[in-house]
């Protein structure tokens, strides 16, 4: 499975006043189906509908659908970097409209400050899935898994190219219900094997020394 991120350029940031308190929200198209996006990928509506239903059931309805500030380098959400909570994600034709509130977390406060200063921010979805190339496009497979409907990014285009070139080239696999990077696990195994070989060699040397003293 590959790490897949898609930038959203038309999300709207809303600031509402309620009893003198500002409430910050994001609203806009979070996901699109049946269209080739700027990254050359196509999601079928059937695949997105199924995954959005799961995301609503397991995350939004349980109030644990979080997004981060910045471009994360993996599929899991880091709670220390959470800036907002996705509250709604629903279909509108081939699009899926999302709504999120900016939280009063350390990174959420940074986002609020940037909005107050008039900063232009982007939004990027993040998921996992296999890709099949057909007719000059990459079709996202049925194993697509939506990690978060939206992360907040300062410049969606350039960092997205970095993510696509560096992070999306890595394979991720499910192991005991957790997504792990395949190469990382292979490297860990090499280290463990090397340690075991060193241990075996040490035991052999000790045994050889013992025999020489007989």
N, C-alpha and C. Protein backbone atom coordinates (compact mmCIF):
# COMPACT_ATOMS: atom_id res chain seq x y z
N UNK A 1 0.84 -1.19 0.00
CA UNK A 1 0.00 0.00 0.00
C UNK A 1 0.88 1.24 0.00
N UNK A 2 0.43 2.28 -0.66
CA UNK A 2 1.16 3.53 -0.74
C UNK A 2 0.47 4.62 0.08
N UNK A 3 1.29 5.52 0.62
CA UNK A 3 0.74 6.70 1.27
C UNK A 3 0.25 7.65 0.18
N UNK A 4 -1.02 8.05 0.25
CA UNK A 4 -1.62 8.89 -0.79
C UNK A 4 -2.16 10.17 -0.16
N UNK A 5 -1.68 11.31 -0.63
CA UNK A 5 -2.21 12.59 -0.14
C UNK A 5 -2.72 13.39 -1.34
N UNK A 6 -3.84 14.06 -1.13
CA UNK A 6 -4.46 14.87 -2.19
C UNK A 6 -4.72 16.27 -1.65
N UNK A 7 -4.22 17.28 -2.33
CA UNK A 7 -4.43 18.65 -1.87
C UNK A 7 -5.82 19.15 -2.26
N UNK A 8 -6.32 20.06 -1.46
CA UNK A 8 -7.62 20.68 -1.69
C UNK A 8 -7.40 22.18 -1.75
N UNK A 9 -7.74 22.79 -2.86
CA UNK A 9 -7.43 24.21 -3.03
C UNK A 9 -8.63 25.13 -2.82
N UNK A 10 -9.82 24.53 -2.70
CA UNK A 10 -11.00 25.39 -2.62
C UNK A 10 -11.70 25.31 -1.26
N UNK A 11 -10.98 24.86 -0.23
CA UNK A 11 -11.59 24.83 1.10
C UNK A 11 -11.76 26.26 1.62
N UNK A 12 -12.83 26.49 2.34
CA UNK A 12 -13.15 27.82 2.87
C UNK A 12 -12.93 27.85 4.37
N UNK A 13 -12.27 28.89 4.84
CA UNK A 13 -12.06 29.08 6.27
C UNK A 13 -13.09 30.08 6.78
N UNK A 14 -13.84 29.69 7.80
CA UNK A 14 -14.94 30.51 8.31
C UNK A 14 -14.65 30.89 9.76
N UNK A 15 -14.79 32.17 10.06
CA UNK A 15 -14.64 32.66 11.43
C UNK A 15 -15.96 33.25 11.88
N UNK A 16 -16.56 32.66 12.93
CA UNK A 16 -17.85 33.11 13.43
C UNK A 16 -17.70 33.66 14.85
N UNK A 17 -18.48 34.68 15.14
CA UNK A 17 -18.49 35.27 16.49
C UNK A 17 -19.67 34.72 17.27
N UNK A 18 -19.41 34.22 18.48
CA UNK A 18 -20.47 33.70 19.32
C UNK A 18 -20.20 34.14 20.76
N UNK A 19 -21.00 35.11 21.21
CA UNK A 19 -20.82 35.68 22.57
C UNK A 19 -19.40 36.20 22.77
N UNK A 20 -18.91 36.87 21.75
CA UNK A 20 -17.58 37.46 21.82
C UNK A 20 -16.44 36.48 21.58
N UNK A 21 -16.78 35.20 21.37
CA UNK A 21 -15.77 34.18 21.14
C UNK A 21 -15.73 33.81 19.66
N UNK A 22 -14.53 33.71 19.12
CA UNK A 22 -14.38 33.34 17.72
C UNK A 22 -14.37 31.82 17.56
N UNK A 23 -15.16 31.34 16.61
CA UNK A 23 -15.15 29.92 16.25
C UNK A 23 -14.61 29.79 14.83
N UNK A 24 -13.61 28.97 14.67
CA UNK A 24 -12.94 28.81 13.37
C UNK A 24 -13.32 27.46 12.78
N UNK A 25 -13.68 27.48 11.49
CA UNK A 25 -14.08 26.25 10.82
C UNK A 25 -13.49 26.16 9.41
N UNK A 26 -13.42 24.93 8.91
CA UNK A 26 -13.05 24.67 7.52
C UNK A 26 -14.25 24.01 6.86
N UNK A 27 -14.55 24.42 5.64
CA UNK A 27 -15.62 23.77 4.89
C UNK A 27 -15.27 23.78 3.42
N UNK A 28 -15.55 22.67 2.75
CA UNK A 28 -15.27 22.61 1.33
C UNK A 28 -15.23 21.18 0.82
N UNK A 29 -14.80 21.02 -0.42
CA UNK A 29 -14.66 19.70 -1.02
C UNK A 29 -13.39 19.06 -0.44
N UNK A 30 -13.58 17.94 0.25
CA UNK A 30 -12.44 17.24 0.83
C UNK A 30 -11.97 16.09 -0.05
N UNK A 31 -12.91 15.47 -0.79
CA UNK A 31 -12.59 14.33 -1.65
C UNK A 31 -13.39 14.43 -2.94
N UNK A 32 -12.83 13.90 -4.04
CA UNK A 32 -13.52 13.91 -5.32
C UNK A 32 -13.41 12.53 -5.97
N UNK A 33 -14.49 12.10 -6.62
CA UNK A 33 -14.50 10.80 -7.29
C UNK A 33 -14.76 10.97 -8.78
N UNK A 34 -14.41 9.93 -9.53
CA UNK A 34 -14.69 9.84 -10.98
C UNK A 34 -14.10 11.00 -11.77
N UNK A 35 -12.97 11.53 -11.31
CA UNK A 35 -12.29 12.59 -12.05
C UNK A 35 -10.79 12.43 -11.83
N UNK A 36 -10.02 12.68 -12.86
CA UNK A 36 -8.56 12.61 -12.74
C UNK A 36 -8.07 13.88 -12.06
N UNK A 37 -7.49 13.73 -10.88
CA UNK A 37 -7.04 14.91 -10.15
C UNK A 37 -5.67 15.37 -10.61
N UNK A 38 -5.17 16.43 -10.04
CA UNK A 38 -3.91 17.02 -10.48
C UNK A 38 -2.71 16.13 -10.23
N UNK A 39 -2.89 15.11 -9.38
CA UNK A 39 -1.82 14.13 -9.14
C UNK A 39 -1.93 12.94 -10.08
N UNK A 40 -2.88 13.00 -11.02
CA UNK A 40 -3.03 11.93 -11.99
C UNK A 40 -3.74 10.70 -11.45
N UNK A 41 -4.47 10.85 -10.33
CA UNK A 41 -5.15 9.72 -9.72
C UNK A 41 -6.67 9.83 -9.88
N UNK A 42 -7.31 8.68 -9.94
CA UNK A 42 -8.76 8.62 -10.06
C UNK A 42 -9.32 7.70 -8.98
N UNK A 43 -10.31 8.20 -8.23
CA UNK A 43 -11.02 7.41 -7.23
C UNK A 43 -12.42 7.11 -7.78
N UNK A 44 -12.83 5.87 -7.74
CA UNK A 44 -14.21 5.57 -8.13
C UNK A 44 -15.14 6.02 -7.00
N UNK A 45 -16.35 6.38 -7.37
CA UNK A 45 -17.31 6.83 -6.35
C UNK A 45 -17.65 5.70 -5.39
N UNK A 46 -17.71 4.49 -5.91
CA UNK A 46 -18.04 3.33 -5.07
C UNK A 46 -17.00 3.15 -3.96
N UNK A 47 -15.73 3.28 -4.33
CA UNK A 47 -14.66 3.11 -3.34
C UNK A 47 -14.71 4.21 -2.29
N UNK A 48 -14.88 5.47 -2.73
CA UNK A 48 -14.92 6.58 -1.78
C UNK A 48 -16.15 6.52 -0.88
N UNK A 49 -17.30 6.16 -1.44
CA UNK A 49 -18.51 6.07 -0.64
C UNK A 49 -18.34 5.05 0.49
N UNK A 50 -17.78 3.90 0.14
CA UNK A 50 -17.58 2.85 1.14
C UNK A 50 -16.63 3.32 2.23
N UNK A 51 -15.54 3.98 1.84
CA UNK A 51 -14.55 4.41 2.81
C UNK A 51 -15.03 5.59 3.64
N UNK A 52 -15.78 6.51 3.02
CA UNK A 52 -16.34 7.64 3.76
C UNK A 52 -17.36 7.15 4.79
N UNK A 53 -18.15 6.16 4.43
CA UNK A 53 -19.11 5.58 5.38
C UNK A 53 -18.38 4.99 6.59
N UNK A 54 -17.27 4.28 6.32
CA UNK A 54 -16.49 3.72 7.42
C UNK A 54 -15.87 4.83 8.27
N UNK A 55 -15.33 5.85 7.62
CA UNK A 55 -14.70 6.96 8.32
C UNK A 55 -15.72 7.68 9.21
N UNK A 56 -16.93 7.88 8.69
CA UNK A 56 -17.99 8.49 9.50
C UNK A 56 -18.34 7.63 10.71
N UNK A 57 -18.48 6.36 10.46
CA UNK A 57 -18.90 5.43 11.52
C UNK A 57 -17.83 5.28 12.60
N UNK A 58 -16.57 5.11 12.19
CA UNK A 58 -15.51 4.80 13.14
C UNK A 58 -14.80 6.02 13.72
N UNK A 59 -14.90 7.16 13.03
CA UNK A 59 -14.14 8.32 13.48
C UNK A 59 -15.01 9.55 13.75
N UNK A 60 -15.72 10.04 12.74
CA UNK A 60 -16.51 11.27 12.93
C UNK A 60 -17.58 11.09 13.99
N UNK A 61 -18.35 10.01 13.90
CA UNK A 61 -19.44 9.79 14.86
C UNK A 61 -18.92 9.59 16.28
N UNK A 62 -17.67 9.18 16.42
CA UNK A 62 -17.07 8.97 17.73
C UNK A 62 -16.19 10.14 18.16
N UNK A 63 -16.24 11.21 17.36
CA UNK A 63 -15.51 12.44 17.65
C UNK A 63 -14.01 12.19 17.83
N UNK A 64 -13.45 11.42 16.92
CA UNK A 64 -12.00 11.18 16.93
C UNK A 64 -11.42 11.27 15.51
N UNK A 65 -12.08 12.08 14.68
CA UNK A 65 -11.59 12.31 13.31
C UNK A 65 -10.73 13.56 13.31
N UNK A 66 -9.44 13.39 13.53
CA UNK A 66 -8.55 14.53 13.69
C UNK A 66 -7.68 14.75 12.44
N UNK A 67 -7.19 15.98 12.31
CA UNK A 67 -6.25 16.33 11.26
C UNK A 67 -5.09 17.09 11.87
N UNK A 68 -3.97 17.12 11.16
CA UNK A 68 -2.75 17.75 11.68
C UNK A 68 -2.40 19.02 10.92
N UNK A 69 -1.54 19.80 11.53
CA UNK A 69 -0.95 20.95 10.87
C UNK A 69 0.38 20.51 10.26
N UNK A 70 0.53 20.71 8.96
CA UNK A 70 1.74 20.30 8.27
C UNK A 70 1.54 19.03 7.48
N UNK A 71 2.59 18.63 6.78
CA UNK A 71 2.56 17.41 5.97
C UNK A 71 3.15 16.25 6.77
N UNK A 72 2.33 15.39 7.35
CA UNK A 72 2.85 14.24 8.09
C UNK A 72 3.59 13.28 7.15
N UNK A 73 4.52 12.52 7.71
CA UNK A 73 5.31 11.62 6.89
C UNK A 73 4.86 10.17 6.97
N UNK A 74 3.67 9.94 7.52
CA UNK A 74 3.14 8.58 7.61
C UNK A 74 1.63 8.58 7.68
N UNK A 75 1.01 7.38 7.75
CA UNK A 75 -0.45 7.28 7.69
C UNK A 75 -1.18 7.51 9.00
N UNK A 76 -0.47 7.50 10.13
CA UNK A 76 -1.15 7.63 11.42
C UNK A 76 -1.20 9.09 11.87
N UNK A 77 -2.21 9.43 12.65
CA UNK A 77 -2.39 10.79 13.15
C UNK A 77 -1.60 10.95 14.45
N UNK A 78 -0.75 11.97 14.49
CA UNK A 78 0.03 12.28 15.70
C UNK A 78 -0.77 13.27 16.54
N UNK A 79 -1.24 12.82 17.69
CA UNK A 79 -2.11 13.67 18.52
C UNK A 79 -1.41 14.94 18.97
N UNK A 80 -0.10 14.93 19.06
CA UNK A 80 0.62 16.13 19.49
C UNK A 80 0.54 17.24 18.44
N UNK A 81 0.25 16.87 17.18
CA UNK A 81 0.20 17.85 16.11
C UNK A 81 -1.22 18.15 15.63
N UNK A 82 -2.21 17.62 16.33
CA UNK A 82 -3.60 17.82 15.91
C UNK A 82 -3.98 19.30 16.00
N UNK A 83 -4.62 19.80 14.95
CA UNK A 83 -5.05 21.20 14.92
C UNK A 83 -6.56 21.35 14.75
N UNK A 84 -7.22 20.30 14.29
CA UNK A 84 -8.66 20.42 14.02
C UNK A 84 -9.33 19.05 14.09
N UNK A 85 -10.65 19.07 14.19
CA UNK A 85 -11.45 17.85 14.23
C UNK A 85 -12.50 17.90 13.12
N UNK A 86 -12.53 16.88 12.29
CA UNK A 86 -13.52 16.80 11.21
C UNK A 86 -14.85 16.39 11.82
N UNK A 87 -15.88 17.18 11.56
CA UNK A 87 -17.20 16.93 12.16
C UNK A 87 -18.21 16.39 11.17
N UNK A 88 -18.00 16.66 9.88
CA UNK A 88 -18.93 16.18 8.86
C UNK A 88 -18.17 15.80 7.60
N UNK A 89 -18.66 14.77 6.91
CA UNK A 89 -18.13 14.38 5.61
C UNK A 89 -19.27 13.66 4.88
N UNK A 90 -19.80 14.31 3.84
CA UNK A 90 -21.00 13.78 3.19
C UNK A 90 -20.92 13.99 1.68
N UNK A 91 -21.63 13.13 0.90
CA UNK A 91 -21.56 13.21 -0.55
C UNK A 91 -22.36 14.37 -1.12
N UNK A 92 -21.85 14.90 -2.23
CA UNK A 92 -22.55 15.93 -3.00
C UNK A 92 -22.19 15.69 -4.46
N UNK A 93 -22.99 14.87 -5.14
CA UNK A 93 -22.63 14.46 -6.50
C UNK A 93 -21.41 13.56 -6.44
N UNK A 94 -20.39 13.88 -7.22
CA UNK A 94 -19.14 13.13 -7.20
C UNK A 94 -18.16 13.64 -6.15
N UNK A 95 -18.55 14.70 -5.45
CA UNK A 95 -17.69 15.27 -4.43
C UNK A 95 -18.14 14.83 -3.04
N UNK A 96 -17.23 15.00 -2.08
CA UNK A 96 -17.56 14.75 -0.67
C UNK A 96 -17.18 16.01 0.10
N UNK A 97 -18.21 16.64 0.69
CA UNK A 97 -18.03 17.89 1.39
C UNK A 97 -17.65 17.61 2.84
N UNK A 98 -16.63 18.30 3.31
CA UNK A 98 -16.19 18.14 4.68
C UNK A 98 -16.32 19.42 5.47
N UNK A 99 -16.53 19.27 6.77
CA UNK A 99 -16.56 20.40 7.69
C UNK A 99 -15.72 20.03 8.91
N UNK A 100 -14.90 20.97 9.34
CA UNK A 100 -14.04 20.72 10.51
C UNK A 100 -13.93 21.98 11.34
N UNK A 101 -13.73 21.79 12.63
CA UNK A 101 -13.53 22.95 13.50
C UNK A 101 -12.08 22.99 13.96
N UNK A 102 -11.53 24.20 14.00
CA UNK A 102 -10.17 24.38 14.48
C UNK A 102 -10.21 24.28 16.00
N UNK A 103 -9.36 23.43 16.57
CA UNK A 103 -9.39 23.17 18.00
C UNK A 103 -8.46 24.13 18.76
N UNK A 104 -8.63 24.14 20.07
CA UNK A 104 -7.83 25.03 20.90
C UNK A 104 -6.56 24.31 21.39
N UNK A 105 -5.98 23.53 20.50
CA UNK A 105 -4.72 22.83 20.80
C UNK A 105 -3.56 23.77 20.44
N UNK A 106 -2.33 23.43 20.83
CA UNK A 106 -1.20 24.28 20.45
C UNK A 106 -1.12 24.53 18.95
N UNK A 107 -1.30 23.48 18.14
CA UNK A 107 -1.22 23.67 16.69
C UNK A 107 -2.50 24.31 16.15
N UNK A 108 -3.63 24.07 16.83
CA UNK A 108 -4.86 24.75 16.43
C UNK A 108 -4.75 26.25 16.64
N UNK A 109 -4.11 26.66 17.73
CA UNK A 109 -3.90 28.08 17.98
C UNK A 109 -3.02 28.72 16.92
N UNK A 110 -2.05 27.95 16.42
CA UNK A 110 -1.21 28.46 15.33
C UNK A 110 -2.05 28.70 14.09
N UNK A 111 -2.93 27.75 13.79
CA UNK A 111 -3.81 27.90 12.62
C UNK A 111 -4.71 29.12 12.78
N UNK A 112 -5.28 29.31 13.97
CA UNK A 112 -6.15 30.47 14.21
C UNK A 112 -5.38 31.77 14.00
N UNK A 113 -4.16 31.81 14.50
CA UNK A 113 -3.34 33.00 14.33
C UNK A 113 -3.03 33.27 12.87
N UNK A 114 -2.74 32.22 12.12
CA UNK A 114 -2.47 32.39 10.69
C UNK A 114 -3.69 32.91 9.94
N UNK A 115 -4.86 32.38 10.30
CA UNK A 115 -6.10 32.84 9.66
C UNK A 115 -6.36 34.31 9.99
N UNK A 116 -6.18 34.67 11.24
CA UNK A 116 -6.39 36.06 11.65
C UNK A 116 -5.45 37.01 10.91
N UNK A 117 -4.26 36.53 10.57
CA UNK A 117 -3.28 37.35 9.86
C UNK A 117 -3.47 37.32 8.35
N UNK A 118 -4.50 36.61 7.90
CA UNK A 118 -4.80 36.58 6.47
C UNK A 118 -3.97 35.60 5.66
N UNK A 119 -3.38 34.61 6.32
CA UNK A 119 -2.55 33.63 5.61
C UNK A 119 -3.40 32.76 4.69
N UNK A 120 -2.84 32.38 3.56
CA UNK A 120 -3.49 31.48 2.63
C UNK A 120 -3.06 30.05 2.96
N UNK A 121 -3.99 29.24 3.41
CA UNK A 121 -3.69 27.88 3.80
C UNK A 121 -4.36 26.88 2.86
N UNK A 122 -3.76 25.71 2.76
CA UNK A 122 -4.34 24.65 1.95
C UNK A 122 -4.74 23.48 2.83
N UNK A 123 -5.47 22.55 2.24
CA UNK A 123 -5.92 21.37 2.96
C UNK A 123 -5.58 20.14 2.13
N UNK A 124 -5.12 19.09 2.79
CA UNK A 124 -4.71 17.88 2.08
C UNK A 124 -5.26 16.65 2.80
N UNK A 125 -5.94 15.77 2.05
CA UNK A 125 -6.41 14.51 2.62
C UNK A 125 -5.24 13.52 2.64
N UNK A 126 -5.38 12.48 3.45
CA UNK A 126 -4.31 11.50 3.58
C UNK A 126 -4.89 10.11 3.73
N UNK A 127 -4.39 9.18 2.94
CA UNK A 127 -4.90 7.82 3.00
C UNK A 127 -3.87 6.81 2.55
N UNK A 128 -4.29 5.55 2.52
CA UNK A 128 -3.43 4.46 2.10
C UNK A 128 -4.15 3.65 1.05
N UNK A 129 -3.39 3.10 0.10
CA UNK A 129 -4.03 2.26 -0.90
C UNK A 129 -3.08 1.84 -1.99
N UNK A 130 -3.51 0.89 -2.79
CA UNK A 130 -2.74 0.44 -3.93
C UNK A 130 -3.15 1.25 -5.15
N UNK A 131 -2.26 1.30 -6.14
CA UNK A 131 -2.52 2.06 -7.36
C UNK A 131 -2.35 1.16 -8.56
N UNK A 132 -3.26 1.29 -9.52
CA UNK A 132 -3.19 0.54 -10.78
C UNK A 132 -3.19 1.53 -11.94
N UNK A 133 -2.16 1.47 -12.75
CA UNK A 133 -2.03 2.41 -13.86
C UNK A 133 -2.79 1.91 -15.09
N UNK A 134 -3.70 2.75 -15.57
CA UNK A 134 -4.48 2.42 -16.77
C UNK A 134 -4.74 3.69 -17.55
N UNK A 135 -4.48 3.65 -18.84
CA UNK A 135 -4.80 4.77 -19.74
C UNK A 135 -4.22 6.10 -19.25
N UNK A 136 -3.00 6.06 -18.77
CA UNK A 136 -2.32 7.29 -18.37
C UNK A 136 -2.76 7.85 -17.03
N UNK A 137 -3.47 7.06 -16.23
CA UNK A 137 -3.91 7.52 -14.91
C UNK A 137 -3.68 6.42 -13.89
N UNK A 138 -3.53 6.81 -12.64
CA UNK A 138 -3.41 5.85 -11.54
C UNK A 138 -4.77 5.70 -10.87
N UNK A 139 -5.34 4.51 -10.95
CA UNK A 139 -6.63 4.25 -10.33
C UNK A 139 -6.40 3.71 -8.91
N UNK A 140 -7.03 4.35 -7.94
CA UNK A 140 -6.88 3.94 -6.54
C UNK A 140 -7.68 2.67 -6.31
N UNK A 141 -7.03 1.69 -5.67
CA UNK A 141 -7.62 0.36 -5.50
C UNK A 141 -8.70 0.29 -4.43
N UNK A 142 -9.36 -0.87 -4.39
CA UNK A 142 -10.45 -1.10 -3.45
C UNK A 142 -9.97 -1.18 -2.01
N UNK A 143 -8.66 -1.31 -1.82
CA UNK A 143 -8.12 -1.38 -0.46
C UNK A 143 -7.86 0.00 0.13
N UNK A 144 -8.33 1.06 -0.54
CA UNK A 144 -8.08 2.42 -0.05
C UNK A 144 -8.59 2.60 1.36
N UNK A 145 -7.75 3.23 2.19
CA UNK A 145 -8.07 3.48 3.60
C UNK A 145 -7.84 4.95 3.88
N UNK A 146 -8.88 5.66 4.31
CA UNK A 146 -8.78 7.09 4.59
C UNK A 146 -8.25 7.28 6.01
N UNK A 147 -7.05 7.84 6.11
CA UNK A 147 -6.45 8.08 7.42
C UNK A 147 -7.00 9.34 8.06
N UNK A 148 -7.09 10.41 7.28
CA UNK A 148 -7.72 11.64 7.74
C UNK A 148 -8.26 12.39 6.53
N UNK A 149 -9.43 12.99 6.69
CA UNK A 149 -10.05 13.68 5.57
C UNK A 149 -9.34 14.98 5.24
N UNK A 150 -8.58 15.55 6.20
CA UNK A 150 -7.93 16.83 5.92
C UNK A 150 -6.81 17.13 6.91
N UNK A 151 -5.63 17.44 6.38
CA UNK A 151 -4.55 18.07 7.13
C UNK A 151 -4.44 19.51 6.62
N UNK A 152 -3.97 20.41 7.47
CA UNK A 152 -3.80 21.81 7.06
C UNK A 152 -2.34 22.04 6.68
N UNK A 153 -2.14 22.57 5.49
CA UNK A 153 -0.78 22.80 4.99
C UNK A 153 -0.63 24.23 4.52
N UNK A 154 0.60 24.74 4.63
CA UNK A 154 0.85 26.13 4.26
C UNK A 154 0.93 26.31 2.75
N UNK A 155 1.54 25.35 2.07
CA UNK A 155 1.69 25.44 0.62
C UNK A 155 1.41 24.06 0.06
N UNK A 156 0.16 23.80 -0.36
CA UNK A 156 -0.21 22.46 -0.71
C UNK A 156 0.54 21.87 -1.90
N UNK A 157 1.00 22.70 -2.83
CA UNK A 157 1.56 22.16 -4.07
C UNK A 157 2.97 21.62 -3.90
N UNK A 158 3.90 22.43 -3.40
CA UNK A 158 5.29 22.00 -3.30
C UNK A 158 5.48 20.85 -2.30
N UNK A 159 4.97 20.96 -1.06
CA UNK A 159 5.13 19.85 -0.14
C UNK A 159 4.47 18.57 -0.64
N UNK A 160 3.36 18.71 -1.38
CA UNK A 160 2.67 17.53 -1.88
C UNK A 160 3.57 16.79 -2.86
N UNK A 161 4.34 17.53 -3.65
CA UNK A 161 5.27 16.89 -4.57
C UNK A 161 6.33 16.13 -3.78
N UNK A 162 6.76 16.69 -2.65
CA UNK A 162 7.74 16.03 -1.80
C UNK A 162 7.16 14.74 -1.23
N UNK A 163 5.94 14.82 -0.73
CA UNK A 163 5.30 13.63 -0.17
C UNK A 163 5.15 12.55 -1.23
N UNK A 164 4.73 12.96 -2.42
CA UNK A 164 4.53 11.98 -3.49
C UNK A 164 5.84 11.33 -3.88
N UNK A 165 6.92 12.13 -3.96
CA UNK A 165 8.19 11.60 -4.41
C UNK A 165 8.93 10.80 -3.37
N UNK A 166 8.78 11.17 -2.08
CA UNK A 166 9.54 10.51 -1.03
C UNK A 166 8.69 9.51 -0.25
N UNK A 167 7.60 9.99 0.34
CA UNK A 167 6.84 9.11 1.21
C UNK A 167 5.95 8.13 0.45
N UNK A 168 5.35 8.55 -0.66
CA UNK A 168 4.45 7.67 -1.37
C UNK A 168 5.18 6.54 -2.08
N UNK A 169 6.51 6.66 -2.20
CA UNK A 169 7.27 5.60 -2.85
C UNK A 169 7.52 4.43 -1.89
N UNK A 170 7.18 4.61 -0.64
CA UNK A 170 7.39 3.56 0.35
C UNK A 170 6.15 2.69 0.47
N UNK A 171 6.37 1.44 0.79
CA UNK A 171 5.26 0.51 0.98
C UNK A 171 4.89 0.44 2.46
N UNK A 172 3.59 0.39 2.73
CA UNK A 172 3.09 0.23 4.08
C UNK A 172 2.23 -1.01 4.12
N UNK A 173 2.30 -1.75 5.21
CA UNK A 173 1.54 -2.99 5.32
C UNK A 173 0.83 -3.04 6.67
N UNK A 174 -0.27 -3.81 6.71
CA UNK A 174 -0.98 -4.02 7.96
C UNK A 174 -0.32 -5.15 8.72
N UNK A 175 0.02 -4.92 9.97
CA UNK A 175 0.54 -5.97 10.84
C UNK A 175 -0.14 -5.86 12.19
N UNK A 176 -0.95 -6.87 12.49
CA UNK A 176 -1.69 -6.89 13.76
C UNK A 176 -2.53 -5.63 13.95
N UNK A 177 -3.16 -5.18 12.87
CA UNK A 177 -4.05 -4.03 12.95
C UNK A 177 -3.37 -2.69 12.95
N UNK A 178 -2.03 -2.68 12.72
CA UNK A 178 -1.27 -1.43 12.72
C UNK A 178 -0.55 -1.28 11.39
N UNK A 179 -0.57 -0.07 10.82
CA UNK A 179 0.14 0.18 9.58
C UNK A 179 1.61 0.45 9.89
N UNK A 180 2.47 -0.34 9.27
CA UNK A 180 3.91 -0.16 9.46
C UNK A 180 4.58 -0.05 8.11
N UNK A 181 5.70 0.65 8.09
CA UNK A 181 6.43 0.80 6.85
C UNK A 181 7.22 -0.46 6.56
N UNK A 182 7.02 -1.02 5.38
CA UNK A 182 7.62 -2.30 5.03
C UNK A 182 9.14 -2.23 5.08
N UNK A 183 9.74 -1.20 4.49
CA UNK A 183 11.20 -1.08 4.48
C UNK A 183 11.74 -0.94 5.89
N UNK A 184 11.04 -0.18 6.72
CA UNK A 184 11.49 0.04 8.08
C UNK A 184 11.55 -1.28 8.84
N UNK A 185 10.52 -2.09 8.67
CA UNK A 185 10.50 -3.38 9.34
C UNK A 185 11.61 -4.29 8.81
N UNK A 186 11.89 -4.20 7.52
CA UNK A 186 12.97 -5.00 6.95
C UNK A 186 14.31 -4.58 7.54
N UNK A 187 14.50 -3.26 7.72
CA UNK A 187 15.74 -2.77 8.31
C UNK A 187 15.87 -3.24 9.76
N UNK A 188 14.78 -3.19 10.49
CA UNK A 188 14.81 -3.65 11.88
C UNK A 188 15.18 -5.13 11.95
N UNK A 189 14.62 -5.89 11.01
CA UNK A 189 14.91 -7.33 10.99
C UNK A 189 16.39 -7.57 10.70
N UNK A 190 16.96 -6.77 9.79
CA UNK A 190 18.38 -6.91 9.49
C UNK A 190 19.22 -6.65 10.73
N UNK A 191 18.82 -5.62 11.51
CA UNK A 191 19.56 -5.29 12.74
C UNK A 191 19.44 -6.43 13.74
N UNK A 192 18.22 -6.96 13.91
CA UNK A 192 18.01 -8.06 14.85
C UNK A 192 18.82 -9.29 14.44
N UNK A 193 18.79 -9.57 13.13
CA UNK A 193 19.54 -10.74 12.63
C UNK A 193 21.03 -10.55 12.84
N UNK A 194 21.49 -9.30 12.60
CA UNK A 194 22.92 -9.01 12.79
C UNK A 194 23.32 -9.21 14.25
N UNK A 195 22.47 -8.77 15.16
CA UNK A 195 22.74 -8.93 16.58
C UNK A 195 22.79 -10.41 16.96
N UNK A 196 21.86 -11.18 16.37
CA UNK A 196 21.82 -12.60 16.66
C UNK A 196 23.06 -13.30 16.15
N UNK A 197 23.50 -12.90 14.93
CA UNK A 197 24.72 -13.49 14.37
C UNK A 197 25.92 -13.17 15.25
N UNK A 198 25.99 -11.92 15.72
CA UNK A 198 27.09 -11.52 16.59
C UNK A 198 27.06 -12.32 17.88
N UNK A 199 25.86 -12.55 18.42
CA UNK A 199 25.73 -13.32 19.64
C UNK A 199 26.18 -14.76 19.42
N UNK A 200 25.77 -15.34 18.30
CA UNK A 200 26.15 -16.71 17.98
C UNK A 200 27.67 -16.82 17.81
N UNK A 201 28.25 -15.81 17.14
CA UNK A 201 29.70 -15.82 16.95
C UNK A 201 30.42 -15.71 18.28
N UNK A 202 29.91 -14.90 19.20
CA UNK A 202 30.52 -14.75 20.52
C UNK A 202 30.44 -16.07 21.29
N UNK A 203 29.28 -16.72 21.23
CA UNK A 203 29.12 -18.01 21.91
C UNK A 203 30.11 -19.03 21.36
N UNK A 204 30.28 -19.03 20.04
CA UNK A 204 31.20 -19.98 19.41
C UNK A 204 32.63 -19.72 19.86
N UNK A 205 33.01 -18.43 19.92
CA UNK A 205 34.36 -18.08 20.34
C UNK A 205 34.60 -18.49 21.79
N UNK A 206 33.62 -18.29 22.65
CA UNK A 206 33.74 -18.68 24.06
C UNK A 206 33.90 -20.19 24.17
N UNK A 207 33.11 -20.92 23.38
CA UNK A 207 33.18 -22.37 23.42
C UNK A 207 34.54 -22.86 22.93
N UNK A 208 35.06 -22.22 21.86
CA UNK A 208 36.37 -22.58 21.33
C UNK A 208 37.46 -22.32 22.37
N UNK A 209 37.36 -21.21 23.09
CA UNK A 209 38.33 -20.89 24.14
C UNK A 209 38.26 -21.93 25.25
N UNK A 210 37.04 -22.34 25.59
CA UNK A 210 36.85 -23.36 26.63
C UNK A 210 37.52 -24.67 26.22
N UNK A 211 37.35 -25.07 24.95
CA UNK A 211 37.94 -26.33 24.49
C UNK A 211 39.48 -26.28 24.52
N UNK A 212 40.02 -25.10 24.20
CA UNK A 212 41.48 -24.97 24.18
C UNK A 212 42.09 -25.11 25.57
N UNK A 213 41.33 -24.80 26.59
CA UNK A 213 41.83 -24.85 27.95
C UNK A 213 41.67 -26.22 28.59
N UNK A 214 41.05 -27.14 27.89
CA UNK A 214 40.88 -28.49 28.43
C UNK A 214 42.21 -29.23 28.43
